[in-house]
Amino acid sequence: GGRLLLATDWSPYAETIDESLQGNPELRGGISERWPLRPQTKFEERARRRRHRVQDFCYTKIDNGEIGSIENAQ
């Protein structure tokens, strides 16, 4: 699997992210804490100055053994 990390300060976008990705059976995750190594962008800095909530998400791709599997590569 892989990991998808997202962040936004726009609440309608955060709702769309959550609804869309929660509905994907190949992904697990949701709202998360801010990843410590994620750099703060100028957009995030501006959002924080404006007291906008920055919402982080973390989703993990579920490895079902089909795509990219060495056993299936023949």
PDB file of N, CA and C in Angstrom:
ATOM      1  N   GLY A   1       0.825  -1.187   0.000  1.00  0.00           N
ATOM      2  CA  GLY A   1       0.000   0.000   0.000  1.00  0.00           C
ATOM      3  C   GLY A   1       0.862   1.241   0.000  1.00  0.00           C
ATOM      4  N   GLY A   2       0.222   2.357  -0.028  1.00  0.00           N
ATOM      5  CA  GLY A   2       0.868   3.658   0.021  1.00  0.00           C
ATOM      6  C   GLY A   2       0.118   4.543   0.987  1.00  0.00           C
ATOM      7  N   ARG A   3       0.642   5.723   1.212  1.00  0.00           N
ATOM      8  CA  ARG A   3       0.017   6.657   2.138  1.00  0.00           C
ATOM      9  C   ARG A   3      -0.251   7.975   1.431  1.00  0.00           C
ATOM     10  N   LEU A   4      -1.436   8.526   1.659  1.00  0.00           N
ATOM     11  CA  LEU A   4      -1.850   9.802   1.095  1.00  0.00           C
ATOM     12  C   LEU A   4      -2.075  10.773   2.245  1.00  0.00           C
ATOM     13  N   LEU A   5      -1.290  11.858   2.272  1.00  0.00           N
ATOM     14  CA  LEU A   5      -1.420  12.891   3.298  1.00  0.00           C
ATOM     15  C   LEU A   5      -1.939  14.154   2.641  1.00  0.00           C
ATOM     16  N   LEU A   6      -2.997  14.726   3.198  1.00  0.00           N
ATOM     17  CA  LEU A   6      -3.621  15.926   2.647  1.00  0.00           C
ATOM     18  C   LEU A   6      -3.865  16.924   3.768  1.00  0.00           C
ATOM     19  N   ALA A   7      -3.893  18.199   3.406  1.00  0.00           N
ATOM     20  CA  ALA A   7      -4.254  19.249   4.361  1.00  0.00           C
ATOM     21  C   ALA A   7      -4.953  20.367   3.607  1.00  0.00           C
ATOM     22  N   THR A   8      -5.954  20.972   4.251  1.00  0.00           N
ATOM     23  CA  THR A   8      -6.657  22.105   3.653  1.00  0.00           C
ATOM     24  C   THR A   8      -7.199  23.005   4.755  1.00  0.00           C
ATOM     25  N   ASP A   9      -7.341  24.285   4.434  1.00  0.00           N
ATOM     26  CA  ASP A   9      -7.959  25.218   5.383  1.00  0.00           C
ATOM     27  C   ASP A   9      -9.354  25.616   4.906  1.00  0.00           C
ATOM     28  N   TRP A  10      -9.828  25.017   3.840  1.00  0.00           N
ATOM     29  CA  TRP A  10     -11.143  25.348   3.304  1.00  0.00           C
ATOM     30  C   TRP A  10     -12.110  24.238   3.706  1.00  0.00           C
ATOM     31  N   SER A  11     -13.042  24.527   4.613  1.00  0.00           N
ATOM     32  CA  SER A  11     -13.899  23.475   5.159  1.00  0.00           C
ATOM     33  C   SER A  11     -14.762  22.749   4.129  1.00  0.00           C
ATOM     34  N   PRO A  12     -15.316  23.411   3.090  1.00  0.00           N
ATOM     35  CA  PRO A  12     -16.055  22.621   2.092  1.00  0.00           C
ATOM     36  C   PRO A  12     -15.154  21.597   1.381  1.00  0.00           C
ATOM     37  N   TYR A  13     -13.901  21.969   1.152  1.00  0.00           N
ATOM     38  CA  TYR A  13     -12.962  21.043   0.520  1.00  0.00           C
ATOM     39  C   TYR A  13     -12.655  19.888   1.474  1.00  0.00           C
ATOM     40  N   ALA A  14     -12.486  20.203   2.764  1.00  0.00           N
ATOM     41  CA  ALA A  14     -12.224  19.156   3.756  1.00  0.00           C
ATOM     42  C   ALA A  14     -13.382  18.157   3.801  1.00  0.00           C
ATOM     43  N   GLU A  15     -14.606  18.657   3.743  1.00  0.00           N
ATOM     44  CA  GLU A  15     -15.776  17.770   3.747  1.00  0.00           C
ATOM     45  C   GLU A  15     -15.795  16.883   2.504  1.00  0.00           C
ATOM     46  N   THR A  16     -15.463  17.467   1.359  1.00  0.00           N
ATOM     47  CA  THR A  16     -15.437  16.700   0.110  1.00  0.00           C
ATOM     48  C   THR A  16     -14.352  15.631   0.152  1.00  0.00           C
ATOM     49  N   ILE A  17     -13.175  15.993   0.652  1.00  0.00           N
ATOM     50  CA  ILE A  17     -12.083  15.021   0.786  1.00  0.00           C
ATOM     51  C   ILE A  17     -12.549  13.851   1.639  1.00  0.00           C
ATOM     52  N   ASP A  18     -13.088  14.169   2.809  1.00  0.00           N
ATOM     53  CA  ASP A  18     -13.487  13.130   3.749  1.00  0.00           C
ATOM     54  C   ASP A  18     -14.573  12.231   3.157  1.00  0.00           C
ATOM     55  N   GLU A  19     -15.602  12.829   2.565  1.00  0.00           N
ATOM     56  CA  GLU A  19     -16.689  12.034   1.983  1.00  0.00           C
ATOM     57  C   GLU A  19     -16.199  11.160   0.833  1.00  0.00           C
ATOM     58  N   SER A  20     -15.383  11.726  -0.040  1.00  0.00           N
ATOM     59  CA  SER A  20     -14.910  10.986  -1.213  1.00  0.00           C
ATOM     60  C   SER A  20     -13.990   9.838  -0.832  1.00  0.00           C
ATOM     61  N   LEU A  21     -13.032  10.116   0.029  1.00  0.00           N
ATOM     62  CA  LEU A  21     -12.046   9.087   0.345  1.00  0.00           C
ATOM     63  C   LEU A  21     -12.578   8.058   1.332  1.00  0.00           C
ATOM     64  N   GLN A  22     -13.487   8.447   2.217  1.00  0.00           N
ATOM     65  CA  GLN A  22     -14.100   7.460   3.119  1.00  0.00           C
ATOM     66  C   GLN A  22     -14.913   6.448   2.323  1.00  0.00           C
ATOM     67  N   GLY A  23     -15.429   6.869   1.173  1.00  0.00           N
ATOM     68  CA  GLY A  23     -16.227   5.981   0.340  1.00  0.00           C
ATOM     69  C   GLY A  23     -15.421   5.039  -0.530  1.00  0.00           C
ATOM     70  N   ASN A  24     -14.106   5.152  -0.493  1.00  0.00           N
ATOM     71  CA  ASN A  24     -13.256   4.292  -1.313  1.00  0.00           C
ATOM     72  C   ASN A  24     -12.880   3.045  -0.508  1.00  0.00           C
ATOM     73  N   PRO A  25     -13.325   1.858  -0.931  1.00  0.00           N
ATOM     74  CA  PRO A  25     -13.055   0.645  -0.159  1.00  0.00           C
ATOM     75  C   PRO A  25     -11.581   0.242  -0.131  1.00  0.00           C
ATOM     76  N   GLU A  26     -10.764   0.836  -0.986  1.00  0.00           N
ATOM     77  CA  GLU A  26      -9.343   0.490  -1.008  1.00  0.00           C
ATOM     78  C   GLU A  26      -8.508   1.385  -0.100  1.00  0.00           C
ATOM     79  N   LEU A  27      -9.161   2.333   0.585  1.00  0.00           N
ATOM     80  CA  LEU A  27      -8.441   3.251   1.466  1.00  0.00           C
ATOM     81  C   LEU A  27      -8.969   3.149   2.888  1.00  0.00           C
ATOM     82  N   ARG A  28      -8.069   3.325   3.843  1.00  0.00           N
ATOM     83  CA  ARG A  28      -8.441   3.402   5.255  1.00  0.00           C
ATOM     84  C   ARG A  28      -7.828   4.674   5.815  1.00  0.00           C
ATOM     85  N   GLY A  29      -8.561   5.353   6.676  1.00  0.00           N
ATOM     86  CA  GLY A  29      -8.022   6.543   7.314  1.00  0.00           C
ATOM     87  C   GLY A  29      -9.079   7.595   7.495  1.00  0.00           C
ATOM     88  N   GLY A  30      -8.620   8.833   7.570  1.00  0.00           N
ATOM     89  CA  GLY A  30      -9.523   9.955   7.771  1.00  0.00           C
ATOM     90  C   GLY A  30      -8.777  11.134   8.365  1.00  0.00           C
ATOM     91  N   ILE A  31      -9.488  11.896   9.177  1.00  0.00           N
ATOM     92  CA  ILE A  31      -8.911  13.074   9.819  1.00  0.00           C
ATOM     93  C   ILE A  31      -7.765  12.627  10.714  1.00  0.00           C
ATOM     94  N   SER A  32      -6.680  13.375  10.680  1.00  0.00           N
ATOM     95  CA  SER A  32      -5.506  12.989  11.463  1.00  0.00           C
ATOM     96  C   SER A  32      -4.834  14.215  12.069  1.00  0.00           C
ATOM     97  N   GLU A  33      -3.883  13.953  12.917  1.00  0.00           N
ATOM     98  CA  GLU A  33      -3.037  15.009  13.463  1.00  0.00           C
ATOM     99  C   GLU A  33      -2.116  15.505  12.358  1.00  0.00           C
ATOM    100  N   ARG A  34      -1.617  16.715  12.516  1.00  0.00           N
ATOM    101  CA  ARG A  34      -0.664  17.268  11.547  1.00  0.00           C
ATOM    102  C   ARG A  34       0.599  16.414  11.553  1.00  0.00           C
ATOM    103  N   TRP A  35       1.021  16.005  10.378  1.00  0.00           N
ATOM    104  CA  TRP A  35       2.241  15.218  10.255  1.00  0.00           C
ATOM    105  C   TRP A  35       3.417  16.111  10.641  1.00  0.00           C
ATOM    106  N   PRO A  36       4.257  15.723  11.607  1.00  0.00           N
ATOM    107  CA  PRO A  36       5.324  16.604  12.112  1.00  0.00           C
ATOM    108  C   PRO A  36       6.329  17.055  11.051  1.00  0.00           C
ATOM    109  N   LEU A  37       6.575  16.250  10.036  1.00  0.00           N
ATOM    110  CA  LEU A  37       7.566  16.620   9.027  1.00  0.00           C
ATOM    111  C   LEU A  37       6.972  17.393   7.859  1.00  0.00           C
ATOM    112  N   ARG A  38       5.658  17.624   7.892  1.00  0.00           N
ATOM    113  CA  ARG A  38       5.023  18.366   6.792  1.00  0.00           C
ATOM    114  C   ARG A  38       5.403  19.839   6.895  1.00  0.00           C
ATOM    115  N   PRO A  39       5.992  20.392   5.844  1.00  0.00           N
ATOM    116  CA  PRO A  39       6.362  21.811   5.892  1.00  0.00           C
ATOM    117  C   PRO A  39       5.118  22.694   5.907  1.00  0.00           C
ATOM    118  N   GLN A  40       5.234  23.829   6.572  1.00  0.00           N
ATOM    119  CA  GLN A  40       4.131  24.787   6.579  1.00  0.00           C
ATOM    120  C   GLN A  40       4.239  25.657   5.337  1.00  0.00           C
ATOM    121  N   THR A  41       3.196  25.655   4.525  1.00  0.00           N
ATOM    122  CA  THR A  41       3.199  26.450   3.298  1.00  0.00           C
ATOM    123  C   THR A  41       2.789  27.885   3.603  1.00  0.00           C
ATOM    124  N   LYS A  42       2.987  28.763   2.634  1.00  0.00           N
ATOM    125  CA  LYS A  42       2.558  30.152   2.822  1.00  0.00           C
ATOM    126  C   LYS A  42       1.036  30.226   2.936  1.00  0.00           C
ATOM    127  N   PHE A  43       0.340  29.292   2.293  1.00  0.00           N
ATOM    128  CA  PHE A  43      -1.119  29.264   2.372  1.00  0.00           C
ATOM    129  C   PHE A  43      -1.576  28.866   3.777  1.00  0.00           C
ATOM    130  N   GLU A  44      -0.891  27.891   4.367  1.00  0.00           N
ATOM    131  CA  GLU A  44      -1.223  27.473   5.726  1.00  0.00           C
ATOM    132  C   GLU A  44      -0.913  28.591   6.716  1.00  0.00           C
ATOM    133  N   GLU A  45       0.206  29.250   6.521  1.00  0.00           N
ATOM    134  CA  GLU A  45       0.571  30.365   7.397  1.00  0.00           C
ATOM    135  C   GLU A  45      -0.509  31.452   7.349  1.00  0.00           C
ATOM    136  N   ARG A  46      -0.964  31.782   6.153  1.00  0.00           N
ATOM    137  CA  ARG A  46      -2.011  32.796   5.992  1.00  0.00           C
ATOM    138  C   ARG A  46      -3.319  32.323   6.634  1.00  0.00           C
ATOM    139  N   ALA A  47      -3.651  31.065   6.453  1.00  0.00           N
ATOM    140  CA  ALA A  47      -4.877  30.521   7.046  1.00  0.00           C
ATOM    141  C   ALA A  47      -4.830  30.612   8.564  1.00  0.00           C
ATOM    142  N   ARG A  48      -3.696  30.298   9.145  1.00  0.00           N
ATOM    143  CA  ARG A  48      -3.570  30.365  10.607  1.00  0.00           C
ATOM    144  C   ARG A  48      -3.676  31.807  11.104  1.00  0.00           C
ATOM    145  N   ARG A  49      -3.105  32.736  10.362  1.00  0.00           N
ATOM    146  CA  ARG A  49      -3.237  34.159  10.740  1.00  0.00           C
ATOM    147  C   ARG A  49      -4.698  34.587  10.730  1.00  0.00           C
ATOM    148  N   ARG A  50      -5.453  34.034   9.797  1.00  0.00           N
ATOM    149  CA  ARG A  50      -6.880  34.361   9.682  1.00  0.00           C
ATOM    150  C   ARG A  50      -7.737  33.498  10.611  1.00  0.00           C
ATOM    151  N   ARG A  51      -7.068  32.680  11.402  1.00  0.00           N
ATOM    152  CA  ARG A  51      -7.727  31.780  12.362  1.00  0.00           C
ATOM    153  C   ARG A  51      -8.620  30.737  11.689  1.00  0.00           C
ATOM    154  N   HIS A  52      -8.224  30.342  10.488  1.00  0.00           N
ATOM    155  CA  HIS A  52      -8.909  29.243   9.806  1.00  0.00           C
ATOM    156  C   HIS A  52      -8.340  27.931  10.338  1.00  0.00           C
ATOM    157  N   ARG A  53      -9.189  26.968  10.488  1.00  0.00           N
ATOM    158  CA  ARG A  53      -8.743  25.650  10.933  1.00  0.00           C
ATOM    159  C   ARG A  53      -8.104  24.926   9.756  1.00  0.00           C
ATOM    160  N   VAL A  54      -6.918  24.413   9.948  1.00  0.00           N
ATOM    161  CA  VAL A  54      -6.255  23.595   8.930  1.00  0.00           C
ATOM    162  C   VAL A  54      -6.520  22.137   9.295  1.00  0.00           C
ATOM    163  N   GLN A  55      -7.169  21.423   8.377  1.00  0.00           N
ATOM    164  CA  GLN A  55      -7.542  20.034   8.621  1.00  0.00           C
ATOM    165  C   GLN A  55      -6.603  19.106   7.871  1.00  0.00           C
ATOM    166  N   ASP A  56      -6.016  18.179   8.601  1.00  0.00           N
ATOM    167  CA  ASP A  56      -5.126  17.183   8.006  1.00  0.00           C
ATOM    168  C   ASP A  56      -5.864  15.857   7.861  1.00  0.00           C
ATOM    169  N   PHE A  57      -5.482  15.119   6.830  1.00  0.00           N
ATOM    170  CA  PHE A  57      -6.038  13.792   6.570  1.00  0.00           C
ATOM    171  C   PHE A  57      -4.886  12.839   6.273  1.00  0.00           C
ATOM    172  N   CYS A  58      -5.069  11.594   6.655  1.00  0.00           N
ATOM    173  CA  CYS A  58      -4.106  10.548   6.317  1.00  0.00           C
ATOM    174  C   CYS A  58      -4.895   9.306   5.906  1.00  0.00           C
ATOM    175  N   TYR A  59      -4.622   8.824   4.700  1.00  0.00           N
ATOM    176  CA  TYR A  59      -5.257   7.615   4.182  1.00  0.00           C
ATOM    177  C   TYR A  59      -4.171   6.638   3.763  1.00  0.00           C
ATOM    178  N   THR A  60      -4.431   5.365   3.995  1.00  0.00           N
ATOM    179  CA  THR A  60      -3.505   4.310   3.615  1.00  0.00           C
ATOM    180  C   THR A  60      -4.191   3.386   2.617  1.00  0.00           C
ATOM    181  N   LYS A  61      -3.486   3.072   1.539  1.00  0.00           N
ATOM    182  CA  LYS A  61      -3.992   2.137   0.529  1.00  0.00           C
ATOM    183  C   LYS A  61      -3.895   0.733   1.091  1.00  0.00           C
ATOM    184  N   ILE A  62      -4.996   0.023   1.030  1.00  0.00           N
ATOM    185  CA  ILE A  62      -5.027  -1.355   1.505  1.00  0.00           C
ATOM    186  C   ILE A  62      -4.408  -2.248   0.439  1.00  0.00           C
ATOM    187  N   ASP A  63      -3.404  -3.011   0.824  1.00  0.00           N
ATOM    188  CA  ASP A  63      -2.736  -3.916  -0.110  1.00  0.00           C
ATOM    189  C   ASP A  63      -3.539  -5.207  -0.181  1.00  0.00           C
ATOM    190  N   ASN A  64      -4.186  -5.420  -1.313  1.00  0.00           N
ATOM    191  CA  ASN A  64      -4.987  -6.632  -1.474  1.00  0.00           C
ATOM    192  C   ASN A  64      -4.229  -7.742  -2.188  1.00  0.00           C
ATOM    193  N   GLY A  65      -2.950  -7.520  -2.441  1.00  0.00           N
ATOM    194  CA  GLY A  65      -2.145  -8.553  -3.064  1.00  0.00           C
ATOM    195  C   GLY A  65      -2.331  -8.700  -4.556  1.00  0.00           C
ATOM    196  N   GLU A  66      -3.087  -7.814  -5.178  1.00  0.00           N
ATOM    197  CA  GLU A  66      -3.339  -7.957  -6.612  1.00  0.00           C
ATOM    198  C   GLU A  66      -2.474  -7.028  -7.444  1.00  0.00           C
ATOM    199  N   ILE A  67      -2.528  -5.754  -7.191  1.00  0.00           N
ATOM    200  CA  ILE A  67      -1.807  -4.780  -8.010  1.00  0.00           C
ATOM    201  C   ILE A  67      -0.398  -4.593  -7.457  1.00  0.00           C
ATOM    202  N   GLY A  68       0.591  -4.747  -8.310  1.00  0.00           N
ATOM    203  CA  GLY A  68       1.970  -4.527  -7.907  1.00  0.00           C
ATOM    204  C   GLY A  68       2.576  -5.657  -7.094  1.00  0.00           C
ATOM    205  N   SER A  69       1.893  -6.740  -6.964  1.00  0.00           N
ATOM    206  CA  SER A  69       2.394  -7.856  -6.190  1.00  0.00           C
ATOM    207  C   SER A  69       3.401  -8.657  -7.006  1.00  0.00           C
ATOM    208  N   ILE A  70       4.516  -9.009  -6.393  1.00  0.00           N
ATOM    209  CA  ILE A  70       5.549  -9.788  -7.083  1.00  0.00           C
ATOM    210  C   ILE A  70       5.002 -11.162  -7.477  1.00  0.00           C
ATOM    211  N   GLU A  71       4.170 -11.746  -6.606  1.00  0.00           N
ATOM    212  CA  GLU A  71       3.629 -13.069  -6.906  1.00  0.00           C
ATOM    213  C   GLU A  71       2.767 -13.055  -8.164  1.00  0.00           C
ATOM    214  N   ASN A  72       2.104 -11.942  -8.448  1.00  0.00           N
ATOM    215  CA  ASN A  72       1.209 -11.864  -9.604  1.00  0.00           C
ATOM    216  C   ASN A  72       1.909 -11.397 -10.872  1.00  0.00           C
ATOM    217  N   ALA A  73       3.158 -11.005 -10.787  1.00  0.00           N
ATOM    218  CA  ALA A  73       3.893 -10.521 -11.968  1.00  0.00           C
ATOM    219  C   ALA A  73       4.511 -11.725 -12.678  1.00  0.00           C
ATOM    220  N   GLN A  74       3.887 -12.155 -13.751  1.00  0.00           N
ATOM    221  CA  GLN A  74       4.410 -13.314 -14.486  1.00  0.00           C
ATOM    222  C   GLN A  74       4.430 -13.044 -15.957  1.00  0.00           C
TER     223      GLN A  74
END
